[in-house]
Amino acid sequence: MLSAMPQLVTRVDHELVAAADRLVEGGVLASRSEAVRLGLEQLVDRARRAEIAAAILDGYRRVPPSDDELRRADDGLRALLAEEPW
């Protein structure tokens, strides 16, 4: 048996509702609920990515790469760029 998903009740301004309705009418979204779900998912994903980026930055600040590591990274990047078909 599937449990019911929690519901959120919120108020939004008329312009935002109208914009969401246009997306639904245009077939971009299935419903207002989908618009809210997607917006929350993107907000949570952005916050998660920001936390990860901050942790990575903190790590590099605590243990900066050595000159040799930087040189190898530069060499690897140059090799990858040389392989591009552009």
PDB file of N, CA and C in Angstrom:
ATOM      1  N   MET A   1       0.847  -1.183   0.000  1.00  0.00           N
ATOM      2  CA  MET A   1       0.000   0.000   0.000  1.00  0.00           C
ATOM      3  C   MET A   1       0.890   1.243   0.000  1.00  0.00           C
ATOM      4  N   LEU A   2       0.603   2.181  -0.871  1.00  0.00           N
ATOM      5  CA  LEU A   2       1.359   3.428  -0.961  1.00  0.00           C
ATOM      6  C   LEU A   2       0.857   4.419   0.069  1.00  0.00           C
ATOM      7  N   SER A   3       1.774   5.060   0.751  1.00  0.00           N
ATOM      8  CA  SER A   3       1.352   6.084   1.699  1.00  0.00           C
ATOM      9  C   SER A   3       1.134   7.397   0.943  1.00  0.00           C
ATOM     10  N   ALA A   4       0.243   8.186   1.465  1.00  0.00           N
ATOM     11  CA  ALA A   4      -0.062   9.468   0.826  1.00  0.00           C
ATOM     12  C   ALA A   4       1.126  10.402   0.967  1.00  0.00           C
ATOM     13  N   MET A   5       1.350  11.177  -0.061  1.00  0.00           N
ATOM     14  CA  MET A   5       2.426  12.172  -0.019  1.00  0.00           C
ATOM     15  C   MET A   5       1.956  13.353   0.811  1.00  0.00           C
ATOM     16  N   PRO A   6       2.862  13.964   1.572  1.00  0.00           N
ATOM     17  CA  PRO A   6       2.465  15.154   2.335  1.00  0.00           C
ATOM     18  C   PRO A   6       2.040  16.274   1.399  1.00  0.00           C
ATOM     19  N   GLN A   7       1.157  17.103   1.879  1.00  0.00           N
ATOM     20  CA  GLN A   7       0.714  18.259   1.115  1.00  0.00           C
ATOM     21  C   GLN A   7       1.272  19.522   1.746  1.00  0.00           C
ATOM     22  N   LEU A   8       1.586  20.484   0.907  1.00  0.00           N
ATOM     23  CA  LEU A   8       2.012  21.798   1.362  1.00  0.00           C
ATOM     24  C   LEU A   8       0.940  22.798   0.958  1.00  0.00           C
ATOM     25  N   VAL A   9       0.658  23.702   1.838  1.00  0.00           N
ATOM     26  CA  VAL A   9      -0.290  24.774   1.527  1.00  0.00           C
ATOM     27  C   VAL A   9       0.486  26.077   1.633  1.00  0.00           C
ATOM     28  N   THR A  10       0.409  26.864   0.585  1.00  0.00           N
ATOM     29  CA  THR A  10       1.148  28.123   0.578  1.00  0.00           C
ATOM     30  C   THR A  10       0.380  29.166  -0.212  1.00  0.00           C
ATOM     31  N   ARG A  11       0.791  30.371  -0.080  1.00  0.00           N
ATOM     32  CA  ARG A  11       0.201  31.463  -0.845  1.00  0.00           C
ATOM     33  C   ARG A  11       1.290  32.041  -1.744  1.00  0.00           C
ATOM     34  N   VAL A  12       0.917  32.333  -2.973  1.00  0.00           N
ATOM     35  CA  VAL A  12       1.846  32.963  -3.912  1.00  0.00           C
ATOM     36  C   VAL A  12       1.115  34.102  -4.616  1.00  0.00           C
ATOM     37  N   ASP A  13       1.900  35.023  -5.153  1.00  0.00           N
ATOM     38  CA  ASP A  13       1.259  36.174  -5.785  1.00  0.00           C
ATOM     39  C   ASP A  13       0.637  35.782  -7.132  1.00  0.00           C
ATOM     40  N   HIS A  14      -0.251  36.629  -7.589  1.00  0.00           N
ATOM     41  CA  HIS A  14      -1.019  36.357  -8.808  1.00  0.00           C
ATOM     42  C   HIS A  14      -0.124  36.190 -10.031  1.00  0.00           C
ATOM     43  N   GLU A  15       0.922  36.985 -10.114  1.00  0.00           N
ATOM     44  CA  GLU A  15       1.810  36.898 -11.280  1.00  0.00           C
ATOM     45  C   GLU A  15       2.491  35.543 -11.368  1.00  0.00           C
ATOM     46  N   LEU A  16       2.918  35.008 -10.223  1.00  0.00           N
ATOM     47  CA  LEU A  16       3.574  33.705 -10.214  1.00  0.00           C
ATOM     48  C   LEU A  16       2.599  32.597 -10.600  1.00  0.00           C
ATOM     49  N   VAL A  17       1.376  32.676 -10.101  1.00  0.00           N
ATOM     50  CA  VAL A  17       0.354  31.690 -10.470  1.00  0.00           C
ATOM     51  C   VAL A  17       0.064  31.770 -11.961  1.00  0.00           C
ATOM     52  N   ALA A  18      -0.060  32.974 -12.478  1.00  0.00           N
ATOM     53  CA  ALA A  18      -0.336  33.140 -13.909  1.00  0.00           C
ATOM     54  C   ALA A  18       0.801  32.571 -14.745  1.00  0.00           C
ATOM     55  N   ALA A  19       2.038  32.796 -14.316  1.00  0.00           N
ATOM     56  CA  ALA A  19       3.181  32.262 -15.054  1.00  0.00           C
ATOM     57  C   ALA A  19       3.172  30.740 -15.026  1.00  0.00           C
ATOM     58  N   ALA A  20       2.864  30.150 -13.867  1.00  0.00           N
ATOM     59  CA  ALA A  20       2.783  28.690 -13.771  1.00  0.00           C
ATOM     60  C   ALA A  20       1.642  28.164 -14.645  1.00  0.00           C
ATOM     61  N   ASP A  21       0.524  28.839 -14.634  1.00  0.00           N
ATOM     62  CA  ASP A  21      -0.611  28.420 -15.459  1.00  0.00           C
ATOM     63  C   ASP A  21      -0.262  28.459 -16.945  1.00  0.00           C
ATOM     64  N   ARG A  22       0.505  29.459 -17.358  1.00  0.00           N
ATOM     65  CA  ARG A  22       0.915  29.512 -18.769  1.00  0.00           C
ATOM     66  C   ARG A  22       1.813  28.319 -19.116  1.00  0.00           C
ATOM     67  N   LEU A  23       2.671  27.932 -18.189  1.00  0.00           N
ATOM     68  CA  LEU A  23       3.515  26.759 -18.429  1.00  0.00           C
ATOM     69  C   LEU A  23       2.681  25.486 -18.526  1.00  0.00           C
ATOM     70  N   VAL A  24       1.648  25.399 -17.702  1.00  0.00           N
ATOM     71  CA  VAL A  24       0.748  24.241 -17.772  1.00  0.00           C
ATOM     72  C   VAL A  24      -0.012  24.258 -19.092  1.00  0.00           C
ATOM     73  N   GLU A  25      -0.565  25.398 -19.451  1.00  0.00           N
ATOM     74  CA  GLU A  25      -1.319  25.524 -20.701  1.00  0.00           C
ATOM     75  C   GLU A  25      -0.436  25.242 -21.913  1.00  0.00           C
ATOM     76  N   GLY A  26       0.843  25.604 -21.818  1.00  0.00           N
ATOM     77  CA  GLY A  26       1.774  25.365 -22.923  1.00  0.00           C
ATOM     78  C   GLY A  26       2.334  23.958 -22.960  1.00  0.00           C
ATOM     79  N   GLY A  27       1.933  23.132 -22.013  1.00  0.00           N
ATOM     80  CA  GLY A  27       2.393  21.753 -22.005  1.00  0.00           C
ATOM     81  C   GLY A  27       3.781  21.554 -21.413  1.00  0.00           C
ATOM     82  N   VAL A  28       4.349  22.608 -20.838  1.00  0.00           N
ATOM     83  CA  VAL A  28       5.673  22.497 -20.225  1.00  0.00           C
ATOM     84  C   VAL A  28       5.572  21.720 -18.916  1.00  0.00           C
ATOM     85  N   LEU A  29       4.506  21.944 -18.186  1.00  0.00           N
ATOM     86  CA  LEU A  29       4.256  21.276 -16.915  1.00  0.00           C
ATOM     87  C   LEU A  29       2.889  20.624 -16.946  1.00  0.00           C
ATOM     88  N   ALA A  30       2.741  19.578 -16.146  1.00  0.00           N
ATOM     89  CA  ALA A  30       1.452  18.891 -16.099  1.00  0.00           C
ATOM     90  C   ALA A  30       0.438  19.621 -15.221  1.00  0.00           C
ATOM     91  N   SER A  31       0.939  20.309 -14.198  1.00  0.00           N
ATOM     92  CA  SER A  31       0.022  20.939 -13.243  1.00  0.00           C
ATOM     93  C   SER A  31       0.761  21.971 -12.401  1.00  0.00           C
ATOM     94  N   ARG A  32      -0.006  22.728 -11.640  1.00  0.00           N
ATOM     95  CA  ARG A  32       0.590  23.651 -10.683  1.00  0.00           C
ATOM     96  C   ARG A  32       1.408  22.875  -9.655  1.00  0.00           C
ATOM     97  N   SER A  33       0.886  21.732  -9.244  1.00  0.00           N
ATOM     98  CA  SER A  33       1.614  20.912  -8.273  1.00  0.00           C
ATOM     99  C   SER A  33       2.979  20.509  -8.801  1.00  0.00           C
ATOM    100  N   GLU A  34       3.041  20.151 -10.073  1.00  0.00           N
ATOM    101  CA  GLU A  34       4.330  19.798 -10.656  1.00  0.00           C
ATOM    102  C   GLU A  34       5.266  21.011 -10.639  1.00  0.00           C
ATOM    103  N   ALA A  35       4.724  22.185 -10.906  1.00  0.00           N
ATOM    104  CA  ALA A  35       5.542  23.397 -10.880  1.00  0.00           C
ATOM    105  C   ALA A  35       6.150  23.600  -9.494  1.00  0.00           C
ATOM    106  N   VAL A  36       5.354  23.428  -8.458  1.00  0.00           N
ATOM    107  CA  VAL A  36       5.840  23.598  -7.095  1.00  0.00           C
ATOM    108  C   VAL A  36       6.876  22.523  -6.776  1.00  0.00           C
ATOM    109  N   ARG A  37       6.589  21.274  -7.126  1.00  0.00           N
ATOM    110  CA  ARG A  37       7.536  20.180  -6.876  1.00  0.00           C
ATOM    111  C   ARG A  37       8.871  20.434  -7.554  1.00  0.00           C
ATOM    112  N   LEU A  38       8.820  20.804  -8.839  1.00  0.00           N
ATOM    113  CA  LEU A  38      10.061  21.056  -9.576  1.00  0.00           C
ATOM    114  C   LEU A  38      10.829  22.227  -8.982  1.00  0.00           C
ATOM    115  N   GLY A  39      10.115  23.272  -8.605  1.00  0.00           N
ATOM    116  CA  GLY A  39      10.775  24.427  -7.994  1.00  0.00           C
ATOM    117  C   GLY A  39      11.460  24.059  -6.689  1.00  0.00           C
ATOM    118  N   LEU A  40      10.788  23.284  -5.853  1.00  0.00           N
ATOM    119  CA  LEU A  40      11.388  22.860  -4.592  1.00  0.00           C
ATOM    120  C   LEU A  40      12.579  21.933  -4.833  1.00  0.00           C
ATOM    121  N   GLU A  41      12.433  21.019  -5.794  1.00  0.00           N
ATOM    122  CA  GLU A  41      13.542  20.114  -6.114  1.00  0.00           C
ATOM    123  C   GLU A  41      14.767  20.902  -6.564  1.00  0.00           C
ATOM    124  N   GLN A  42      14.558  21.902  -7.401  1.00  0.00           N
ATOM    125  CA  GLN A  42      15.683  22.705  -7.886  1.00  0.00           C
ATOM    126  C   GLN A  42      16.304  23.514  -6.754  1.00  0.00           C
ATOM    127  N   LEU A  43      15.489  24.052  -5.876  1.00  0.00           N
ATOM    128  CA  LEU A  43      16.001  24.820  -4.745  1.00  0.00           C
ATOM    129  C   LEU A  43      16.822  23.925  -3.819  1.00  0.00           C
ATOM    130  N   VAL A  44      16.305  22.743  -3.515  1.00  0.00           N
ATOM    131  CA  VAL A  44      17.023  21.810  -2.648  1.00  0.00           C
ATOM    132  C   VAL A  44      18.309  21.353  -3.323  1.00  0.00           C
ATOM    133  N   ASP A  45      18.272  21.081  -4.629  1.00  0.00           N
ATOM    134  CA  ASP A  45      19.468  20.664  -5.356  1.00  0.00           C
ATOM    135  C   ASP A  45      20.516  21.773  -5.353  1.00  0.00           C
ATOM    136  N   ARG A  46      20.092  23.011  -5.563  1.00  0.00           N
ATOM    137  CA  ARG A  46      21.030  24.138  -5.559  1.00  0.00           C
ATOM    138  C   ARG A  46      21.696  24.279  -4.194  1.00  0.00           C
ATOM    139  N   ALA A  47      20.910  24.123  -3.119  1.00  0.00           N
ATOM    140  CA  ALA A  47      21.472  24.220  -1.770  1.00  0.00           C
ATOM    141  C   ALA A  47      22.456  23.076  -1.521  1.00  0.00           C
ATOM    142  N   ARG A  48      22.109  21.875  -1.969  1.00  0.00           N
ATOM    143  CA  ARG A  48      22.998  20.721  -1.796  1.00  0.00           C
ATOM    144  C   ARG A  48      24.307  20.940  -2.538  1.00  0.00           C
ATOM    145  N   ARG A  49      24.224  21.418  -3.767  1.00  0.00           N
ATOM    146  CA  ARG A  49      25.433  21.676  -4.560  1.00  0.00           C
ATOM    147  C   ARG A  49      26.287  22.775  -3.920  1.00  0.00           C
ATOM    148  N   ALA A  50      25.648  23.780  -3.355  1.00  0.00           N
ATOM    149  CA  ALA A  50      26.396  24.848  -2.685  1.00  0.00           C
ATOM    150  C   ALA A  50      27.125  24.300  -1.463  1.00  0.00           C
ATOM    151  N   GLU A  51      26.483  23.397  -0.722  1.00  0.00           N
ATOM    152  CA  GLU A  51      27.138  22.777   0.436  1.00  0.00           C
ATOM    153  C   GLU A  51      28.348  21.961  -0.002  1.00  0.00           C
ATOM    154  N   ILE A  52      28.200  21.200  -1.075  1.00  0.00           N
ATOM    155  CA  ILE A  52      29.308  20.392  -1.587  1.00  0.00           C
ATOM    156  C   ILE A  52      30.445  21.294  -2.049  1.00  0.00           C
ATOM    157  N   ALA A  53      30.116  22.352  -2.782  1.00  0.00           N
ATOM    158  CA  ALA A  53      31.137  23.278  -3.262  1.00  0.00           C
ATOM    159  C   ALA A  53      31.875  23.920  -2.091  1.00  0.00           C
ATOM    160  N   ALA A  54      31.150  24.287  -1.039  1.00  0.00           N
ATOM    161  CA  ALA A  54      31.785  24.894   0.132  1.00  0.00           C
ATOM    162  C   ALA A  54      32.718  23.899   0.810  1.00  0.00           C
ATOM    163  N   ALA A  55      32.313  22.640   0.886  1.00  0.00           N
ATOM    164  CA  ALA A  55      33.163  21.621   1.501  1.00  0.00           C
ATOM    165  C   ALA A  55      34.427  21.401   0.678  1.00  0.00           C
ATOM    166  N   ILE A  56      34.295  21.372  -0.642  1.00  0.00           N
ATOM    167  CA  ILE A  56      35.465  21.208  -1.516  1.00  0.00           C
ATOM    168  C   ILE A  56      36.403  22.395  -1.353  1.00  0.00           C
ATOM    169  N   LEU A  57      35.852  23.594  -1.382  1.00  0.00           N
ATOM    170  CA  LEU A  57      36.664  24.802  -1.216  1.00  0.00           C
ATOM    171  C   LEU A  57      37.378  24.800   0.130  1.00  0.00           C
ATOM    172  N   ASP A  58      36.670  24.408   1.182  1.00  0.00           N
ATOM    173  CA  ASP A  58      37.274  24.334   2.506  1.00  0.00           C
ATOM    174  C   ASP A  58      38.434  23.343   2.512  1.00  0.00           C
ATOM    175  N   GLY A  59      38.255  22.214   1.834  1.00  0.00           N
ATOM    176  CA  GLY A  59      39.317  21.230   1.759  1.00  0.00           C
ATOM    177  C   GLY A  59      40.558  21.771   1.067  1.00  0.00           C
ATOM    178  N   TYR A  60      40.352  22.479  -0.034  1.00  0.00           N
ATOM    179  CA  TYR A  60      41.493  23.064  -0.745  1.00  0.00           C
ATOM    180  C   TYR A  60      42.158  24.171   0.071  1.00  0.00           C
ATOM    181  N   ARG A  61      41.380  24.872   0.886  1.00  0.00           N
ATOM    182  CA  ARG A  61      41.978  25.908   1.742  1.00  0.00           C
ATOM    183  C   ARG A  61      42.811  25.269   2.853  1.00  0.00           C
ATOM    184  N   ARG A  62      42.295  24.150   3.400  1.00  0.00           N
ATOM    185  CA  ARG A  62      43.030  23.483   4.472  1.00  0.00           C
ATOM    186  C   ARG A  62      44.266  22.764   3.938  1.00  0.00           C
ATOM    187  N   VAL A  63      44.140  22.143   2.761  1.00  0.00           N
ATOM    188  CA  VAL A  63      45.262  21.395   2.166  1.00  0.00           C
ATOM    189  C   VAL A  63      45.388  21.835   0.706  1.00  0.00           C
ATOM    190  N   PRO A  64      46.082  22.926   0.454  1.00  0.00           N
ATOM    191  CA  PRO A  64      46.217  23.415  -0.920  1.00  0.00           C
ATOM    192  C   PRO A  64      46.989  22.415  -1.786  1.00  0.00           C
ATOM    193  N   PRO A  65      46.684  22.376  -3.077  1.00  0.00           N
ATOM    194  CA  PRO A  65      47.421  21.476  -3.955  1.00  0.00           C
ATOM    195  C   PRO A  65      48.884  21.909  -4.070  1.00  0.00           C
ATOM    196  N   SER A  66      49.742  20.918  -4.243  1.00  0.00           N
ATOM    197  CA  SER A  66      51.168  21.218  -4.409  1.00  0.00           C
ATOM    198  C   SER A  66      51.413  21.739  -5.824  1.00  0.00           C
ATOM    199  N   ASP A  67      52.577  22.311  -6.023  1.00  0.00           N
ATOM    200  CA  ASP A  67      52.944  22.789  -7.358  1.00  0.00           C
ATOM    201  C   ASP A  67      52.927  21.645  -8.358  1.00  0.00           C
ATOM    202  N   ASP A  68      53.387  20.469  -7.939  1.00  0.00           N
ATOM    203  CA  ASP A  68      53.395  19.309  -8.830  1.00  0.00           C
ATOM    204  C   ASP A  68      51.968  18.893  -9.196  1.00  0.00           C
ATOM    205  N   GLU A  69      51.057  18.905  -8.234  1.00  0.00           N
ATOM    206  CA  GLU A  69      49.661  18.565  -8.512  1.00  0.00           C
ATOM    207  C   GLU A  69      49.037  19.573  -9.476  1.00  0.00           C
ATOM    208  N   LEU A  70      49.329  20.845  -9.282  1.00  0.00           N
ATOM    209  CA  LEU A  70      48.803  21.873 -10.186  1.00  0.00           C
ATOM    210  C   LEU A  70      49.361  21.691 -11.601  1.00  0.00           C
ATOM    211  N   ARG A  71      50.644  21.374 -11.701  1.00  0.00           N
ATOM    212  CA  ARG A  71      51.252  21.163 -13.007  1.00  0.00           C
ATOM    213  C   ARG A  71      50.608  19.964 -13.711  1.00  0.00           C
ATOM    214  N   ARG A  72      50.408  18.865 -12.964  1.00  0.00           N
ATOM    215  CA  ARG A  72      49.777  17.687 -13.570  1.00  0.00           C
ATOM    216  C   ARG A  72      48.333  17.979 -13.985  1.00  0.00           C
ATOM    217  N   ALA A  73      47.623  18.757 -13.194  1.00  0.00           N
ATOM    218  CA  ALA A  73      46.250  19.124 -13.558  1.00  0.00           C
ATOM    219  C   ALA A  73      46.239  19.962 -14.831  1.00  0.00           C
ATOM    220  N   ASP A  74      47.159  20.913 -14.926  1.00  0.00           N
ATOM    221  CA  ASP A  74      47.267  21.733 -16.141  1.00  0.00           C
ATOM    222  C   ASP A  74      47.603  20.870 -17.357  1.00  0.00           C
ATOM    223  N   ASP A  75      48.541  19.945 -17.186  1.00  0.00           N
ATOM    224  CA  ASP A  75      48.919  19.052 -18.292  1.00  0.00           C
ATOM    225  C   ASP A  75      47.722  18.206 -18.738  1.00  0.00           C
ATOM    226  N   GLY A  76      46.973  17.699 -17.771  1.00  0.00           N
ATOM    227  CA  GLY A  76      45.792  16.894 -18.102  1.00  0.00           C
ATOM    228  C   GLY A  76      44.741  17.704 -18.828  1.00  0.00           C
ATOM    229  N   LEU A  77      44.520  18.926 -18.393  1.00  0.00           N
ATOM    230  CA  LEU A  77      43.546  19.797 -19.051  1.00  0.00           C
ATOM    231  C   LEU A  77      43.978  20.108 -20.480  1.00  0.00           C
ATOM    232  N   ARG A  78      45.249  20.395 -20.666  1.00  0.00           N
ATOM    233  CA  ARG A  78      45.750  20.669 -22.018  1.00  0.00           C
ATOM    234  C   ARG A  78      45.547  19.448 -22.917  1.00  0.00           C
ATOM    235  N   ALA A  79      45.800  18.256 -22.393  1.00  0.00           N
ATOM    236  CA  ALA A  79      45.620  17.032 -23.182  1.00  0.00           C
ATOM    237  C   ALA A  79      44.148  16.843 -23.552  1.00  0.00           C
ATOM    238  N   LEU A  80      43.250  17.094 -22.605  1.00  0.00           N
ATOM    239  CA  LEU A  80      41.818  16.965 -22.903  1.00  0.00           C
ATOM    240  C   LEU A  80      41.379  17.963 -23.959  1.00  0.00           C
ATOM    241  N   LEU A  81      41.847  19.195 -23.850  1.00  0.00           N
ATOM    242  CA  LEU A  81      41.481  20.215 -24.825  1.00  0.00           C
ATOM    243  C   LEU A  81      42.035  19.878 -26.206  1.00  0.00           C
ATOM    244  N   ALA A  82      43.223  19.310 -26.238  1.00  0.00           N
ATOM    245  CA  ALA A  82      43.833  18.943 -27.540  1.00  0.00           C
ATOM    246  C   ALA A  82      43.021  17.847 -28.230  1.00  0.00           C
ATOM    247  N   GLU A  83      42.309  17.041 -27.476  1.00  0.00           N
ATOM    248  CA  GLU A  83      41.505  15.953 -28.048  1.00  0.00           C
ATOM    249  C   GLU A  83      40.162  16.439 -28.587  1.00  0.00           C
ATOM    250  N   GLU A  84      39.761  17.632 -28.232  1.00  0.00           N
ATOM    251  CA  GLU A  84      38.457  18.146 -28.679  1.00  0.00           C
ATOM    252  C   GLU A  84      38.476  18.367 -30.206  1.00  0.00           C
ATOM    253  N   PRO A  85      37.365  18.061 -30.869  1.00  0.00           N
ATOM    254  CA  PRO A  85      37.327  18.173 -32.327  1.00  0.00           C
ATOM    255  C   PRO A  85      37.157  19.589 -32.848  1.00  0.00           C
ATOM    256  N   TRP A  86      37.120  20.567 -32.008  1.00  0.00           N
ATOM    257  CA  TRP A  86      36.895  21.934 -32.474  1.00  0.00           C
ATOM    258  C   TRP A  86      38.120  22.458 -33.099  1.00  0.00           C
TER     259      TRP A  86
END
